[in-house]
Amino acid sequence: MTRYTFPHERLDAFRLAREARKLAYAFTKTLPPGFAREAAQINDAAASVLRNTAEGANRFRPAEKVHKFEIAQGEAGEAAAAVESLRDLRGR
């Protein structure tokens, strides 16, 4: 039996989003106590990138695809900014 391949499984962006989510999770595990909100925000944003990339790839109307990909891009920026902010606090 042949397994169905979803459109998002063919995207490099989806594969990178999966890797970024793993890296975000690993990074947040290194945070000291007291940064739970920041960790949750980073992980939520990384997960949203993954989900919105997949959802966009699986939409048929171009406007819907663009909208979901724009959301994913915004979430990626949010996650990156949160990590950068924490790095600033660590003095790096």
PDB file of N, CA and C in Angstrom:
ATOM      1  N   MET A   1       0.844  -1.182   0.000  1.00  0.00           N
ATOM      2  CA  MET A   1       0.000   0.000   0.000  1.00  0.00           C
ATOM      3  C   MET A   1       0.890   1.246   0.000  1.00  0.00           C
ATOM      4  N   THR A   2       0.591   2.171  -0.868  1.00  0.00           N
ATOM      5  CA  THR A   2       1.351   3.401  -0.984  1.00  0.00           C
ATOM      6  C   THR A   2       0.846   4.422   0.032  1.00  0.00           C
ATOM      7  N   ARG A   3       1.782   5.037   0.719  1.00  0.00           N
ATOM      8  CA  ARG A   3       1.435   6.054   1.704  1.00  0.00           C
ATOM      9  C   ARG A   3       1.191   7.380   0.997  1.00  0.00           C
ATOM     10  N   TYR A   4       0.126   8.078   1.366  1.00  0.00           N
ATOM     11  CA  TYR A   4      -0.167   9.400   0.811  1.00  0.00           C
ATOM     12  C   TYR A   4       0.867  10.392   1.332  1.00  0.00           C
ATOM     13  N   THR A   5       1.376  11.239   0.445  1.00  0.00           N
ATOM     14  CA  THR A   5       2.307  12.285   0.836  1.00  0.00           C
ATOM     15  C   THR A   5       1.561  13.612   0.829  1.00  0.00           C
ATOM     16  N   PHE A   6       1.548  14.283   1.956  1.00  0.00           N
ATOM     17  CA  PHE A   6       0.922  15.597   2.036  1.00  0.00           C
ATOM     18  C   PHE A   6       1.786  16.629   1.323  1.00  0.00           C
ATOM     19  N   PRO A   7       1.169  17.661   0.769  1.00  0.00           N
ATOM     20  CA  PRO A   7       1.951  18.689   0.073  1.00  0.00           C
ATOM     21  C   PRO A   7       3.049  19.319   0.938  1.00  0.00           C
ATOM     22  N   HIS A   8       2.790  19.511   2.211  1.00  0.00           N
ATOM     23  CA  HIS A   8       3.797  20.165   3.066  1.00  0.00           C
ATOM     24  C   HIS A   8       5.048  19.298   3.252  1.00  0.00           C
ATOM     25  N   GLU A   9       4.917  18.002   3.074  1.00  0.00           N
ATOM     26  CA  GLU A   9       6.068  17.114   3.250  1.00  0.00           C
ATOM     27  C   GLU A   9       7.119  17.282   2.154  1.00  0.00           C
ATOM     28  N   ARG A  10       6.734  17.948   1.075  1.00  0.00           N
ATOM     29  CA  ARG A  10       7.671  18.184  -0.027  1.00  0.00           C
ATOM     30  C   ARG A  10       8.391  19.529   0.093  1.00  0.00           C
ATOM     31  N   LEU A  11       8.023  20.332   1.067  1.00  0.00           N
ATOM     32  CA  LEU A  11       8.590  21.676   1.208  1.00  0.00           C
ATOM     33  C   LEU A  11       9.844  21.692   2.077  1.00  0.00           C
ATOM     34  N   ASP A  12      10.883  22.341   1.572  1.00  0.00           N
ATOM     35  CA  ASP A  12      12.072  22.566   2.400  1.00  0.00           C
ATOM     36  C   ASP A  12      11.711  23.406   3.615  1.00  0.00           C
ATOM     37  N   ALA A  13      10.807  24.364   3.427  1.00  0.00           N
ATOM     38  CA  ALA A  13      10.401  25.232   4.539  1.00  0.00           C
ATOM     39  C   ALA A  13       9.801  24.420   5.689  1.00  0.00           C
ATOM     40  N   PHE A  14       9.054  23.388   5.359  1.00  0.00           N
ATOM     41  CA  PHE A  14       8.460  22.553   6.402  1.00  0.00           C
ATOM     42  C   PHE A  14       9.540  21.757   7.132  1.00  0.00           C
ATOM     43  N   ARG A  15      10.481  21.201   6.374  1.00  0.00           N
ATOM     44  CA  ARG A  15      11.572  20.450   7.013  1.00  0.00           C
ATOM     45  C   ARG A  15      12.399  21.364   7.920  1.00  0.00           C
ATOM     46  N   LEU A  16      12.653  22.579   7.463  1.00  0.00           N
ATOM     47  CA  LEU A  16      13.395  23.530   8.289  1.00  0.00           C
ATOM     48  C   LEU A  16      12.594  23.952   9.510  1.00  0.00           C
ATOM     49  N   ALA A  17      11.297  24.100   9.359  1.00  0.00           N
ATOM     50  CA  ALA A  17      10.449  24.457  10.500  1.00  0.00           C
ATOM     51  C   ALA A  17      10.457  23.346  11.551  1.00  0.00           C
ATOM     52  N   ARG A  18      10.486  22.115  11.108  1.00  0.00           N
ATOM     53  CA  ARG A  18      10.573  20.991  12.061  1.00  0.00           C
ATOM     54  C   ARG A  18      11.883  21.050  12.832  1.00  0.00           C
ATOM     55  N   GLU A  19      12.979  21.296  12.107  1.00  0.00           N
ATOM     56  CA  GLU A  19      14.289  21.382  12.753  1.00  0.00           C
ATOM     57  C   GLU A  19      14.352  22.572  13.704  1.00  0.00           C
ATOM     58  N   ALA A  20      13.783  23.695  13.278  1.00  0.00           N
ATOM     59  CA  ALA A  20      13.778  24.889  14.131  1.00  0.00           C
ATOM     60  C   ALA A  20      12.979  24.647  15.406  1.00  0.00           C
ATOM     61  N   ARG A  21      11.889  23.918  15.285  1.00  0.00           N
ATOM     62  CA  ARG A  21      11.099  23.624  16.486  1.00  0.00           C
ATOM     63  C   ARG A  21      11.897  22.768  17.469  1.00  0.00           C
ATOM     64  N   LYS A  22      12.628  21.806  16.954  1.00  0.00           N
ATOM     65  CA  LYS A  22      13.471  20.976  17.825  1.00  0.00           C
ATOM     66  C   LYS A  22      14.546  21.816  18.493  1.00  0.00           C
ATOM     67  N   LEU A  23      15.169  22.713  17.720  1.00  0.00           N
ATOM     68  CA  LEU A  23      16.207  23.585  18.285  1.00  0.00           C
ATOM     69  C   LEU A  23      15.631  24.540  19.329  1.00  0.00           C
ATOM     70  N   ALA A  24      14.444  25.058  19.057  1.00  0.00           N
ATOM     71  CA  ALA A  24      13.796  25.960  20.018  1.00  0.00           C
ATOM     72  C   ALA A  24      13.531  25.225  21.332  1.00  0.00           C
ATOM     73  N   TYR A  25      13.041  24.013  21.221  1.00  0.00           N
ATOM     74  CA  TYR A  25      12.760  23.217  22.425  1.00  0.00           C
ATOM     75  C   TYR A  25      14.049  22.945  23.202  1.00  0.00           C
ATOM     76  N   ALA A  26      15.098  22.571  22.501  1.00  0.00           N
ATOM     77  CA  ALA A  26      16.382  22.307  23.163  1.00  0.00           C
ATOM     78  C   ALA A  26      16.917  23.569  23.827  1.00  0.00           C
ATOM     79  N   PHE A  27      16.796  24.702  23.136  1.00  0.00           N
ATOM     80  CA  PHE A  27      17.266  25.966  23.706  1.00  0.00           C
ATOM     81  C   PHE A  27      16.498  26.321  24.972  1.00  0.00           C
ATOM     82  N   THR A  28      15.171  26.200  24.925  1.00  0.00           N
ATOM     83  CA  THR A  28      14.378  26.604  26.092  1.00  0.00           C
ATOM     84  C   THR A  28      14.625  25.696  27.295  1.00  0.00           C
ATOM     85  N   LYS A  29      15.056  24.471  27.049  1.00  0.00           N
ATOM     86  CA  LYS A  29      15.376  23.577  28.167  1.00  0.00           C
ATOM     87  C   LYS A  29      16.627  24.047  28.910  1.00  0.00           C
ATOM     88  N   THR A  30      17.453  24.897  28.275  1.00  0.00           N
ATOM     89  CA  THR A  30      18.674  25.383  28.917  1.00  0.00           C
ATOM     90  C   THR A  30      18.434  26.657  29.737  1.00  0.00           C
ATOM     91  N   LEU A  31      17.230  27.207  29.650  1.00  0.00           N
ATOM     92  CA  LEU A  31      16.957  28.458  30.354  1.00  0.00           C
ATOM     93  C   LEU A  31      16.873  28.225  31.858  1.00  0.00           C
ATOM     94  N   PRO A  32      17.360  29.194  32.636  1.00  0.00           N
ATOM     95  CA  PRO A  32      17.272  29.049  34.087  1.00  0.00           C
ATOM     96  C   PRO A  32      15.832  29.228  34.573  1.00  0.00           C
ATOM     97  N   PRO A  33      15.571  28.837  35.807  1.00  0.00           N
ATOM     98  CA  PRO A  33      14.225  29.039  36.362  1.00  0.00           C
ATOM     99  C   PRO A  33      13.832  30.519  36.270  1.00  0.00           C
ATOM    100  N   GLY A  34      12.566  30.764  36.105  1.00  0.00           N
ATOM    101  CA  GLY A  34      12.082  32.122  36.014  1.00  0.00           C
ATOM    102  C   GLY A  34      11.823  32.590  34.589  1.00  0.00           C
ATOM    103  N   PHE A  35      12.121  31.738  33.609  1.00  0.00           N
ATOM    104  CA  PHE A  35      11.917  32.108  32.210  1.00  0.00           C
ATOM    105  C   PHE A  35      10.871  31.223  31.542  1.00  0.00           C
ATOM    106  N   ALA A  36       9.948  30.710  32.315  1.00  0.00           N
ATOM    107  CA  ALA A  36       8.932  29.796  31.774  1.00  0.00           C
ATOM    108  C   ALA A  36       8.052  30.476  30.734  1.00  0.00           C
ATOM    109  N   ARG A  37       7.689  31.737  30.962  1.00  0.00           N
ATOM    110  CA  ARG A  37       6.838  32.441  29.993  1.00  0.00           C
ATOM    111  C   ARG A  37       7.554  32.621  28.662  1.00  0.00           C
ATOM    112  N   GLU A  38       8.820  32.993  28.737  1.00  0.00           N
ATOM    113  CA  GLU A  38       9.599  33.168  27.513  1.00  0.00           C
ATOM    114  C   GLU A  38       9.772  31.845  26.777  1.00  0.00           C
ATOM    115  N   ALA A  39      10.034  30.785  27.544  1.00  0.00           N
ATOM    116  CA  ALA A  39      10.185  29.463  26.944  1.00  0.00           C
ATOM    117  C   ALA A  39       8.892  29.047  26.247  1.00  0.00           C
ATOM    118  N   ALA A  40       7.776  29.265  26.894  1.00  0.00           N
ATOM    119  CA  ALA A  40       6.485  28.906  26.301  1.00  0.00           C
ATOM    120  C   ALA A  40       6.236  29.712  25.028  1.00  0.00           C
ATOM    121  N   GLN A  41       6.581  30.998  25.055  1.00  0.00           N
ATOM    122  CA  GLN A  41       6.369  31.841  23.880  1.00  0.00           C
ATOM    123  C   GLN A  41       7.212  31.359  22.704  1.00  0.00           C
ATOM    124  N   ILE A  42       8.460  31.040  22.966  1.00  0.00           N
ATOM    125  CA  ILE A  42       9.346  30.561  21.907  1.00  0.00           C
ATOM    126  C   ILE A  42       8.832  29.250  21.333  1.00  0.00           C
ATOM    127  N   ASN A  43       8.471  28.329  22.211  1.00  0.00           N
ATOM    128  CA  ASN A  43       7.983  27.022  21.746  1.00  0.00           C
ATOM    129  C   ASN A  43       6.652  27.131  21.024  1.00  0.00           C
ATOM    130  N   ASP A  44       5.766  27.995  21.513  1.00  0.00           N
ATOM    131  CA  ASP A  44       4.475  28.182  20.841  1.00  0.00           C
ATOM    132  C   ASP A  44       4.664  28.777  19.452  1.00  0.00           C
ATOM    133  N   ALA A  45       5.548  29.775  19.346  1.00  0.00           N
ATOM    134  CA  ALA A  45       5.790  30.403  18.047  1.00  0.00           C
ATOM    135  C   ALA A  45       6.416  29.407  17.076  1.00  0.00           C
ATOM    136  N   ALA A  46       7.386  28.623  17.554  1.00  0.00           N
ATOM    137  CA  ALA A  46       8.027  27.626  16.692  1.00  0.00           C
ATOM    138  C   ALA A  46       7.017  26.584  16.212  1.00  0.00           C
ATOM    139  N   ALA A  47       6.126  26.174  17.097  1.00  0.00           N
ATOM    140  CA  ALA A  47       5.089  25.210  16.708  1.00  0.00           C
ATOM    141  C   ALA A  47       4.126  25.829  15.704  1.00  0.00           C
ATOM    142  N   SER A  48       3.826  27.104  15.869  1.00  0.00           N
ATOM    143  CA  SER A  48       2.921  27.788  14.949  1.00  0.00           C
ATOM    144  C   SER A  48       3.524  27.899  13.549  1.00  0.00           C
ATOM    145  N   VAL A  49       4.833  28.119  13.472  1.00  0.00           N
ATOM    146  CA  VAL A  49       5.502  28.146  12.165  1.00  0.00           C
ATOM    147  C   VAL A  49       5.273  26.818  11.459  1.00  0.00           C
ATOM    148  N   LEU A  50       5.485  25.749  12.175  1.00  0.00           N
ATOM    149  CA  LEU A  50       5.324  24.408  11.608  1.00  0.00           C
ATOM    150  C   LEU A  50       3.891  24.181  11.136  1.00  0.00           C
ATOM    151  N   ARG A  51       2.936  24.485  11.995  1.00  0.00           N
ATOM    152  CA  ARG A  51       1.530  24.242  11.653  1.00  0.00           C
ATOM    153  C   ARG A  51       1.052  25.115  10.500  1.00  0.00           C
ATOM    154  N   ASN A  52       1.410  26.399  10.524  1.00  0.00           N
ATOM    155  CA  ASN A  52       0.940  27.297   9.471  1.00  0.00           C
ATOM    156  C   ASN A  52       1.605  27.006   8.131  1.00  0.00           C
ATOM    157  N   THR A  53       2.858  26.570   8.160  1.00  0.00           N
ATOM    158  CA  THR A  53       3.514  26.166   6.916  1.00  0.00           C
ATOM    159  C   THR A  53       2.786  24.966   6.314  1.00  0.00           C
ATOM    160  N   ALA A  54       2.480  23.995   7.147  1.00  0.00           N
ATOM    161  CA  ALA A  54       1.756  22.813   6.667  1.00  0.00           C
ATOM    162  C   ALA A  54       0.361  23.191   6.180  1.00  0.00           C
ATOM    163  N   GLU A  55      -0.320  24.043   6.931  1.00  0.00           N
ATOM    164  CA  GLU A  55      -1.671  24.420   6.529  1.00  0.00           C
ATOM    165  C   GLU A  55      -1.653  25.183   5.203  1.00  0.00           C
ATOM    166  N   GLY A  56      -0.703  26.104   5.061  1.00  0.00           N
ATOM    167  CA  GLY A  56      -0.604  26.851   3.810  1.00  0.00           C
ATOM    168  C   GLY A  56      -0.344  25.950   2.621  1.00  0.00           C
ATOM    169  N   ALA A  57       0.542  24.996   2.808  1.00  0.00           N
ATOM    170  CA  ALA A  57       0.868  24.077   1.709  1.00  0.00           C
ATOM    171  C   ALA A  57      -0.334  23.234   1.297  1.00  0.00           C
ATOM    172  N   ASN A  58      -1.227  22.992   2.214  1.00  0.00           N
ATOM    173  CA  ASN A  58      -2.373  22.137   1.945  1.00  0.00           C
ATOM    174  C   ASN A  58      -3.622  22.904   1.524  1.00  0.00           C
ATOM    175  N   ARG A  59      -3.530  24.228   1.435  1.00  0.00           N
ATOM    176  CA  ARG A  59      -4.640  25.034   0.924  1.00  0.00           C
ATOM    177  C   ARG A  59      -4.575  25.058  -0.594  1.00  0.00           C
ATOM    178  N   PHE A  60      -5.712  25.294  -1.220  1.00  0.00           N
ATOM    179  CA  PHE A  60      -5.767  25.298  -2.676  1.00  0.00           C
ATOM    180  C   PHE A  60      -5.852  26.707  -3.254  1.00  0.00           C
ATOM    181  N   ARG A  61      -6.522  27.603  -2.571  1.00  0.00           N
ATOM    182  CA  ARG A  61      -6.652  28.958  -3.089  1.00  0.00           C
ATOM    183  C   ARG A  61      -5.381  29.746  -2.799  1.00  0.00           C
ATOM    184  N   PRO A  62      -4.818  30.407  -3.789  1.00  0.00           N
ATOM    185  CA  PRO A  62      -3.565  31.133  -3.607  1.00  0.00           C
ATOM    186  C   PRO A  62      -3.594  32.141  -2.451  1.00  0.00           C
ATOM    187  N   ALA A  63      -4.687  32.868  -2.299  1.00  0.00           N
ATOM    188  CA  ALA A  63      -4.764  33.864  -1.221  1.00  0.00           C
ATOM    189  C   ALA A  63      -4.682  33.207   0.153  1.00  0.00           C
ATOM    190  N   GLU A  64      -5.292  32.046   0.299  1.00  0.00           N
ATOM    191  CA  GLU A  64      -5.223  31.324   1.574  1.00  0.00           C
ATOM    192  C   GLU A  64      -3.811  30.816   1.828  1.00  0.00           C
ATOM    193  N   LYS A  65      -3.164  30.314   0.787  1.00  0.00           N
ATOM    194  CA  LYS A  65      -1.778  29.858   0.923  1.00  0.00           C
ATOM    195  C   LYS A  65      -0.894  31.003   1.398  1.00  0.00           C
ATOM    196  N   VAL A  66      -0.998  32.130   0.710  1.00  0.00           N
ATOM    197  CA  VAL A  66      -0.175  33.296   1.057  1.00  0.00           C
ATOM    198  C   VAL A  66      -0.440  33.721   2.487  1.00  0.00           C
ATOM    199  N   HIS A  67      -1.696  33.772   2.872  1.00  0.00           N
ATOM    200  CA  HIS A  67      -2.046  34.198   4.232  1.00  0.00           C
ATOM    201  C   HIS A  67      -1.389  33.293   5.284  1.00  0.00           C
ATOM    202  N   LYS A  68      -1.479  32.007   5.115  1.00  0.00           N
ATOM    203  CA  LYS A  68      -0.890  31.072   6.086  1.00  0.00           C
ATOM    204  C   LYS A  68       0.628  31.156   6.090  1.00  0.00           C
ATOM    205  N   PHE A  69       1.232  31.314   4.922  1.00  0.00           N
ATOM    206  CA  PHE A  69       2.685  31.448   4.861  1.00  0.00           C
ATOM    207  C   PHE A  69       3.139  32.759   5.501  1.00  0.00           C
ATOM    208  N   GLU A  70       2.338  33.818   5.358  1.00  0.00           N
ATOM    209  CA  GLU A  70       2.667  35.088   6.015  1.00  0.00           C
ATOM    210  C   GLU A  70       2.597  34.958   7.530  1.00  0.00           C
ATOM    211  N   ILE A  71       1.604  34.239   8.019  1.00  0.00           N
ATOM    212  CA  ILE A  71       1.507  33.999   9.459  1.00  0.00           C
ATOM    213  C   ILE A  71       2.723  33.219   9.932  1.00  0.00           C
ATOM    214  N   ALA A  72       3.092  32.190   9.195  1.00  0.00           N
ATOM    215  CA  ALA A  72       4.264  31.381   9.564  1.00  0.00           C
ATOM    216  C   ALA A  72       5.515  32.248   9.612  1.00  0.00           C
ATOM    217  N   GLN A  73       5.677  33.132   8.643  1.00  0.00           N
ATOM    218  CA  GLN A  73       6.848  34.009   8.613  1.00  0.00           C
ATOM    219  C   GLN A  73       6.846  34.945   9.816  1.00  0.00           C
ATOM    220  N   GLY A  74       5.698  35.477  10.163  1.00  0.00           N
ATOM    221  CA  GLY A  74       5.600  36.342  11.332  1.00  0.00           C
ATOM    222  C   GLY A  74       5.937  35.610  12.622  1.00  0.00           C
ATOM    223  N   GLU A  75       5.459  34.395  12.752  1.00  0.00           N
ATOM    224  CA  GLU A  75       5.747  33.589  13.937  1.00  0.00           C
ATOM    225  C   GLU A  75       7.231  33.255  14.024  1.00  0.00           C
ATOM    226  N   ALA A  76       7.856  33.000  12.878  1.00  0.00           N
ATOM    227  CA  ALA A  76       9.301  32.735  12.872  1.00  0.00           C
ATOM    228  C   ALA A  76      10.061  33.953  13.380  1.00  0.00           C
ATOM    229  N   GLY A  77       9.642  35.125  12.947  1.00  0.00           N
ATOM    230  CA  GLY A  77      10.257  36.350  13.435  1.00  0.00           C
ATOM    231  C   GLY A  77      10.059  36.540  14.926  1.00  0.00           C
ATOM    232  N   GLU A  78       8.872  36.212  15.413  1.00  0.00           N
ATOM    233  CA  GLU A  78       8.596  36.323  16.852  1.00  0.00           C
ATOM    234  C   GLU A  78       9.501  35.396  17.652  1.00  0.00           C
ATOM    235  N   ALA A  79       9.622  34.162  17.217  1.00  0.00           N
ATOM    236  CA  ALA A  79      10.478  33.208  17.924  1.00  0.00           C
ATOM    237  C   ALA A  79      11.927  33.671  17.919  1.00  0.00           C
ATOM    238  N   ALA A  80      12.396  34.137  16.762  1.00  0.00           N
ATOM    239  CA  ALA A  80      13.782  34.600  16.657  1.00  0.00           C
ATOM    240  C   ALA A  80      14.027  35.803  17.552  1.00  0.00           C
ATOM    241  N   ALA A  81      13.103  36.739  17.578  1.00  0.00           N
ATOM    242  CA  ALA A  81      13.260  37.926  18.423  1.00  0.00           C
ATOM    243  C   ALA A  81      13.273  37.563  19.899  1.00  0.00           C
ATOM    244  N   ALA A  82      12.454  36.611  20.295  1.00  0.00           N
ATOM    245  CA  ALA A  82      12.428  36.184  21.699  1.00  0.00           C
ATOM    246  C   ALA A  82      13.756  35.545  22.094  1.00  0.00           C
ATOM    247  N   VAL A  83      14.318  34.730  21.215  1.00  0.00           N
ATOM    248  CA  VAL A  83      15.615  34.110  21.491  1.00  0.00           C
ATOM    249  C   VAL A  83      16.697  35.189  21.567  1.00  0.00           C
ATOM    250  N   GLU A  84      16.675  36.121  20.613  1.00  0.00           N
ATOM    251  CA  GLU A  84      17.671  37.202  20.619  1.00  0.00           C
ATOM    252  C   GLU A  84      17.584  38.030  21.900  1.00  0.00           C
ATOM    253  N   SER A  85      16.382  38.290  22.345  1.00  0.00           N
ATOM    254  CA  SER A  85      16.181  39.058  23.575  1.00  0.00           C
ATOM    255  C   SER A  85      16.771  38.336  24.782  1.00  0.00           C
ATOM    256  N   LEU A  86      16.565  37.033  24.841  1.00  0.00           N
ATOM    257  CA  LEU A  86      17.132  36.253  25.943  1.00  0.00           C
ATOM    258  C   LEU A  86      18.653  36.211  25.864  1.00  0.00           C
ATOM    259  N   ARG A  87      19.175  36.136  24.664  1.00  0.00           N
ATOM    260  CA  ARG A  87      20.638  36.169  24.497  1.00  0.00           C
ATOM    261  C   ARG A  87      21.192  37.509  24.970  1.00  0.00           C
ATOM    262  N   ASP A  88      20.460  38.596  24.710  1.00  0.00           N
ATOM    263  CA  ASP A  88      20.881  39.910  25.194  1.00  0.00           C
ATOM    264  C   ASP A  88      20.952  39.937  26.721  1.00  0.00           C
ATOM    265  N   LEU A  89      19.991  39.293  27.367  1.00  0.00           N
ATOM    266  CA  LEU A  89      19.957  39.253  28.837  1.00  0.00           C
ATOM    267  C   LEU A  89      21.129  38.451  29.389  1.00  0.00           C
ATOM    268  N   ARG A  90      21.585  37.462  28.641  1.00  0.00           N
ATOM    269  CA  ARG A  90      22.718  36.645  29.062  1.00  0.00           C
ATOM    270  C   ARG A  90      24.050  37.331  28.779  1.00  0.00           C
ATOM    271  N   GLY A  91      23.989  38.467  28.072  1.00  0.00           N
ATOM    272  CA  GLY A  91      25.205  39.191  27.766  1.00  0.00           C
ATOM    273  C   GLY A  91      26.005  38.627  26.618  1.00  0.00           C
ATOM    274  N   ARG A  92      25.364  37.932  25.709  1.00  0.00           N
ATOM    275  CA  ARG A  92      26.069  37.324  24.561  1.00  0.00           C
ATOM    276  C   ARG A  92      25.848  38.126  23.316  1.00  0.00           C
TER     277      ARG A  92
END
